[in-house]
Amino acid sequence: NLRVRWPRLSLLACLLTGIMALSASGAMAAEPLNLTLEGVVEPRARVAVANQVTGIVSRVLVVAGQKVAVGDPLFEIDAADFEIDVSAAHAALDEAVARLRLAEDVAERQSRLAERGSGAEARATQATIEVNVAKASVARQESALRAAELALSRTRIVASIPGIVRPRVAPGTFVEAEAGTILGEIVQIDPILVGYTVSYEDRQRSLKKAGTTSAREMFDRVALSLVLPSGDSYAHTGRPMFESAEVDSTNGMLTTWAEFPNPDGILVPG
């Protein structure tokens, strides 16, 4: 077993300790490799909540600090105008469908007359063209109805990720879709990330001790535990997920991000 211990460096740093499982047929146990690294808690994701339609915020359905799941309602924009648009689109579609049925009826009668020789061929052709025009009108009105229904659905704004929400607008606020107004923010903290820096030299030494050239393969073998600034051990384990693509030229360090469960909100960003 290769043990990596990362003690706390400062009050704000999270202390990371890890156990790397390393197995090889007939291999002797590896000597412990001790690294001292500093970690900071970061959100797993951060999403700005924006509106896609213009209108007046009629309801704010959450409060600051509230936990939300994907699909939970956050805000409502006054839907009266959008409901009218949907009703008008339904009526226009019904009219287009009626005109299509009338055109089809006329075309059928003209076709029968033409077959009997009692009707002009040109009238039958014209009736067929009018049917095609009516079909195009129906398709156009169906698209208009879908657009109106989509706009209406967007008056109800829901959470796209789970996390902690913070609204930034109050009922009665006028918001424009093109203005880029931020209605609120969702910060995902379960799971949560801990970012820490490690020197490129230590990274290469760790890879060598793990017997691999792949950081991903080494990450898959690591189980991390946290010691909180209070000195208490965190109840959940985590593991490294990804690392920065470049070395910081000023200090020769890379940043690695580890993911931890955070169901009780013990770990707080910053």
Protein backbone atom coordinates (compact mmCIF):
# COMPACT_ATOMS: atom_id res chain seq x y z
CA ASN A 1 0.00 0.00 0.00
CA LEU A 2 1.24 3.48 -0.89
CA ARG A 3 0.12 6.06 1.66
CA VAL A 4 -0.01 9.76 0.89
CA ARG A 5 -0.60 12.17 3.78
CA TRP A 6 -1.39 15.83 3.17
CA PRO A 7 -1.57 17.79 6.47
CA ARG A 8 -3.37 21.08 6.96
CA LEU A 9 -1.31 24.17 6.20
CA SER A 10 -3.58 27.03 7.27
CA LEU A 11 -6.94 27.75 8.86
CA LEU A 12 -8.73 28.05 5.51
CA ALA A 13 -7.05 25.08 3.89
CA CYS A 14 -8.65 21.66 3.94
CA LEU A 15 -6.33 18.90 5.07
CA LEU A 16 -6.26 16.02 2.61
CA THR A 17 -5.02 12.54 3.47
CA GLY A 18 -5.16 9.67 1.02
CA ILE A 19 -4.57 5.96 0.56
CA MET A 20 -3.44 4.73 -2.83
CA ALA A 21 -4.14 1.07 -3.50
CA LEU A 22 -1.26 -0.36 -5.53
CA SER A 23 -1.09 -4.04 -6.39
CA ALA A 24 1.38 -6.02 -8.47
CA SER A 25 2.05 -9.73 -8.58
CA GLY A 26 4.91 -10.56 -6.26
CA ALA A 27 5.69 -6.89 -5.53
CA MET A 28 6.87 -5.68 -2.14
CA ALA A 29 4.82 -3.03 -0.29
CA ALA A 30 5.82 0.44 -1.44
CA GLU A 31 7.42 2.88 0.99
CA PRO A 32 5.10 5.72 2.09
CA LEU A 33 5.30 8.85 -0.04
CA ASN A 34 4.48 11.94 2.03
CA LEU A 35 3.25 15.08 0.27
CA THR A 36 2.14 18.34 1.86
CA LEU A 37 -0.62 20.04 -0.17
CA GLU A 38 -3.06 22.87 0.44
CA GLY A 39 -6.72 22.53 -0.56
CA VAL A 40 -9.68 24.88 -1.00
CA VAL A 41 -13.36 23.91 -1.24
CA GLU A 42 -15.04 24.89 -4.53
CA PRO A 43 -18.57 24.41 -5.94
CA ARG A 44 -19.09 21.42 -8.24
CA ALA A 45 -21.05 23.69 -10.60
CA ARG A 46 -22.44 27.22 -10.69
CA VAL A 47 -25.37 28.17 -12.92
CA ALA A 48 -26.82 31.61 -13.57
CA VAL A 49 -30.61 31.42 -13.93
CA ALA A 50 -31.94 33.60 -16.74
CA ASN A 51 -35.27 34.15 -18.48
CA GLN A 52 -35.91 33.25 -22.12
CA VAL A 53 -39.03 35.38 -22.53
CA THR A 54 -39.76 39.03 -21.78
CA GLY A 55 -42.28 39.88 -19.09
CA ILE A 56 -42.94 40.69 -15.45
CA VAL A 57 -41.84 38.31 -12.70
CA SER A 58 -45.11 37.32 -11.05
CA ARG A 59 -43.79 34.86 -8.45
CA VAL A 60 -40.48 33.99 -6.81
CA LEU A 61 -40.90 30.43 -5.57
CA VAL A 62 -37.63 30.03 -3.64
CA VAL A 63 -35.72 31.79 -0.90
CA ALA A 64 -32.00 32.34 -0.52
CA GLY A 65 -30.21 29.25 0.75
CA GLN A 66 -32.97 26.84 -0.28
CA LYS A 67 -31.96 23.44 -1.64
CA VAL A 68 -33.45 22.62 -5.03
CA ALA A 69 -33.48 19.55 -7.27
CA VAL A 70 -33.50 19.42 -11.05
CA GLY A 71 -36.91 20.54 -12.32
CA ASP A 72 -37.96 22.39 -9.15
CA PRO A 73 -39.82 25.64 -10.00
CA LEU A 74 -37.88 28.81 -9.23
CA PHE A 75 -39.66 31.75 -10.85
CA GLU A 76 -42.83 32.50 -12.80
CA ILE A 77 -43.28 35.25 -15.37
CA ASP A 78 -46.79 36.65 -15.92
CA ALA A 79 -48.24 34.23 -18.47
CA ALA A 80 -51.45 36.10 -19.50
CA ASP A 81 -50.11 37.41 -22.84
CA PHE A 82 -48.55 34.05 -23.69
CA GLU A 83 -51.81 32.21 -22.94
CA ILE A 84 -53.61 34.56 -25.34
CA ASP A 85 -50.98 33.80 -28.00
CA VAL A 86 -51.57 30.06 -27.54
CA SER A 87 -55.34 30.49 -27.85
CA ALA A 88 -54.90 32.58 -31.02
CA ALA A 89 -52.54 29.96 -32.48
CA HIS A 90 -55.09 27.21 -31.74
CA ALA A 91 -57.81 29.20 -33.52
CA ALA A 92 -55.58 29.86 -36.54
CA LEU A 93 -54.74 26.18 -36.76
CA ASP A 94 -58.41 25.17 -36.56
CA GLU A 95 -59.17 27.58 -39.40
CA ALA A 96 -56.34 26.21 -41.53
CA VAL A 97 -57.50 22.62 -40.93
CA ALA A 98 -61.08 23.60 -41.97
CA ARG A 99 -59.80 25.23 -45.17
CA LEU A 100 -57.78 22.10 -45.92
CA ARG A 101 -60.83 19.87 -45.53
CA LEU A 102 -62.82 22.16 -47.82
CA ALA A 103 -60.04 22.13 -50.42
CA GLU A 104 -59.80 18.35 -50.24
CA ASP A 105 -63.55 18.02 -50.71
CA VAL A 106 -63.50 20.29 -53.77
CA ALA A 107 -60.49 18.47 -55.20
CA GLU A 108 -62.18 15.09 -54.77
CA ARG A 109 -65.34 16.27 -56.57
CA GLN A 110 -63.36 17.85 -59.41
CA SER A 111 -61.34 14.65 -59.78
CA ARG A 112 -64.51 12.55 -60.10
CA LEU A 113 -65.93 14.96 -62.65
CA ALA A 114 -62.73 14.83 -64.66
CA GLU A 115 -62.77 11.04 -64.65
CA ARG A 116 -66.31 11.06 -66.05
CA GLY A 117 -65.37 13.56 -68.70
CA SER A 118 -67.84 16.08 -67.35
CA GLY A 119 -65.34 18.45 -65.81
CA ALA A 120 -62.39 20.39 -67.07
CA GLU A 121 -58.96 18.91 -66.38
CA ALA A 122 -57.68 22.37 -65.49
CA ARG A 123 -60.21 22.76 -62.67
CA ALA A 124 -59.12 19.40 -61.17
CA THR A 125 -55.46 20.46 -61.33
CA GLN A 126 -56.26 23.79 -59.72
CA ALA A 127 -58.15 22.05 -56.90
CA THR A 128 -55.15 19.79 -56.24
CA ILE A 129 -52.87 22.84 -56.02
CA GLU A 130 -55.24 24.47 -53.53
CA VAL A 131 -55.10 21.33 -51.38
CA ASN A 132 -51.30 21.54 -51.29
CA VAL A 133 -51.48 25.23 -50.38
CA ALA A 134 -53.93 24.43 -47.58
CA LYS A 135 -51.62 21.68 -46.27
CA ALA A 136 -48.73 24.15 -46.17
CA SER A 137 -50.92 26.59 -44.24
CA VAL A 138 -51.76 23.88 -41.69
CA ALA A 139 -48.07 23.05 -41.25
CA ARG A 140 -47.27 26.74 -40.75
CA GLN A 141 -50.00 27.16 -38.13
CA GLU A 142 -48.86 24.01 -36.33
CA SER A 143 -45.37 25.51 -36.08
CA ALA A 144 -46.83 28.77 -34.80
CA LEU A 145 -48.78 26.88 -32.14
CA ARG A 146 -45.68 24.99 -31.01
CA ALA A 147 -43.76 28.26 -30.78
CA ALA A 148 -46.54 29.86 -28.70
CA GLU A 149 -46.69 26.83 -26.40
CA LEU A 150 -42.91 26.86 -26.01
CA ALA A 151 -42.94 30.54 -25.06
CA LEU A 152 -45.72 29.85 -22.54
CA SER A 153 -43.74 26.97 -21.00
CA ARG A 154 -40.76 29.30 -20.56
CA THR A 155 -42.74 31.56 -18.24
CA ARG A 156 -42.13 28.89 -15.61
CA ILE A 157 -38.40 28.73 -14.88
CA VAL A 158 -37.06 25.59 -13.20
CA ALA A 159 -33.74 24.44 -11.78
CA SER A 160 -31.36 22.87 -14.29
CA ILE A 161 -28.99 21.46 -11.65
CA PRO A 162 -29.37 20.48 -7.98
CA GLY A 163 -27.90 22.84 -5.43
CA ILE A 164 -28.39 25.90 -3.26
CA VAL A 165 -30.32 28.74 -4.89
CA ARG A 166 -30.09 32.49 -4.40
CA PRO A 167 -32.78 34.62 -6.11
CA ARG A 168 -31.80 38.09 -7.28
CA VAL A 169 -35.16 39.53 -8.37
CA ALA A 170 -38.44 40.25 -6.62
CA PRO A 171 -42.03 39.89 -7.86
CA GLY A 172 -42.94 42.79 -10.14
CA THR A 173 -39.52 43.02 -11.77
CA PHE A 174 -39.67 43.54 -15.55
CA VAL A 175 -37.14 41.33 -17.32
CA GLU A 176 -36.17 41.25 -20.99
CA ALA A 177 -34.98 38.09 -22.67
CA GLU A 178 -32.35 39.98 -24.70
CA ALA A 179 -30.98 41.95 -21.75
CA GLY A 180 -29.31 38.98 -20.07
CA THR A 181 -30.95 39.59 -16.69
CA ILE A 182 -29.80 37.15 -14.01
CA LEU A 183 -32.84 36.04 -12.01
CA GLY A 184 -30.80 33.99 -9.58
CA GLU A 185 -27.93 31.58 -9.12
CA ILE A 186 -27.65 27.91 -8.25
CA VAL A 187 -24.48 26.58 -6.66
CA GLN A 188 -24.04 22.81 -6.63
CA ILE A 189 -22.30 21.69 -3.44
CA ASP A 190 -23.23 18.00 -3.36
CA PRO A 191 -20.98 16.58 -4.59
CA ILE A 192 -18.41 19.31 -4.01
CA LEU A 193 -14.84 19.85 -5.16
CA VAL A 194 -11.62 20.42 -3.27
CA GLY A 195 -8.92 22.00 -5.40
CA TYR A 196 -5.28 21.66 -4.38
CA THR A 197 -1.93 22.37 -5.95
CA VAL A 198 0.91 19.92 -6.42
CA SER A 199 4.31 20.49 -7.96
CA TYR A 200 5.02 18.92 -11.34
CA GLU A 201 8.02 17.19 -9.75
CA ASP A 202 5.85 15.60 -7.02
CA ARG A 203 3.28 14.61 -9.64
CA GLN A 204 5.93 12.76 -11.64
CA ARG A 205 7.29 11.06 -8.50
CA SER A 206 3.77 9.92 -7.61
CA LEU A 207 3.23 8.49 -11.08
CA LYS A 208 6.53 6.64 -10.87
CA LYS A 209 5.69 5.13 -7.47
CA ALA A 210 2.26 4.12 -8.80
CA GLY A 211 3.95 2.35 -11.71
CA THR A 212 2.00 4.23 -14.38
CA THR A 213 2.35 7.18 -16.76
CA SER A 214 -1.38 7.96 -16.68
CA ALA A 215 -2.70 10.52 -14.19
CA ARG A 216 -6.21 9.13 -14.71
CA GLU A 217 -5.06 5.63 -13.79
CA MET A 218 -3.37 6.98 -10.67
CA PHE A 219 -6.48 9.00 -9.73
CA ASP A 220 -8.63 5.86 -9.99
CA ARG A 221 -6.49 4.22 -7.29
CA VAL A 222 -6.68 7.08 -4.80
CA ALA A 223 -9.16 7.40 -1.92
CA LEU A 224 -8.95 10.78 -0.21
CA SER A 225 -10.11 11.80 3.25
CA LEU A 226 -10.41 15.27 4.70
CA VAL A 227 -9.46 16.73 8.06
CA LEU A 228 -11.47 19.91 8.59
CA PRO A 229 -9.89 23.17 9.84
CA SER A 230 -11.33 22.31 13.27
CA GLY A 231 -9.19 19.16 13.32
CA ASP A 232 -12.20 16.83 12.96
CA SER A 233 -12.16 14.13 10.30
CA TYR A 234 -14.72 14.49 7.54
CA ALA A 235 -17.14 11.57 7.37
CA HIS A 236 -16.95 10.94 3.60
CA THR A 237 -14.10 9.94 1.32
CA GLY A 238 -13.44 11.30 -2.15
CA ARG A 239 -11.06 10.92 -5.04
CA PRO A 240 -9.21 13.11 -7.55
CA MET A 241 -11.23 13.82 -10.68
CA PHE A 242 -9.18 16.01 -13.01
CA GLU A 243 -6.21 18.37 -13.16
CA SER A 244 -5.28 21.60 -14.89
CA ALA A 245 -3.92 21.40 -18.40
CA GLU A 246 -0.91 23.62 -17.72
CA VAL A 247 1.75 24.12 -15.12
CA ASP A 248 1.76 27.56 -13.52
CA SER A 249 4.97 29.07 -14.87
CA THR A 250 5.44 31.23 -11.76
CA ASN A 251 5.66 28.35 -9.27
CA GLY A 252 5.75 25.09 -11.23
CA MET A 253 2.47 23.87 -9.71
CA LEU A 254 -0.57 22.12 -11.19
CA THR A 255 -4.07 22.24 -9.74
CA THR A 256 -5.96 19.01 -9.09
CA TRP A 257 -9.64 18.83 -8.18
CA ALA A 258 -11.01 16.07 -5.95
CA GLU A 259 -14.73 15.31 -5.57
CA PHE A 260 -16.39 14.59 -2.21
CA PRO A 261 -19.98 13.83 -1.21
CA ASN A 262 -21.44 16.71 0.80
CA PRO A 263 -25.02 15.68 1.74
CA ASP A 264 -25.12 17.70 4.96
CA GLY A 265 -23.45 20.83 3.62
CA ILE A 266 -20.48 20.54 5.97
CA LEU A 267 -18.07 21.62 3.25
CA VAL A 268 -18.62 25.23 2.16
CA PRO A 269 -17.02 26.86 -0.91
CA GLY A 270 -14.12 29.12 -0.07
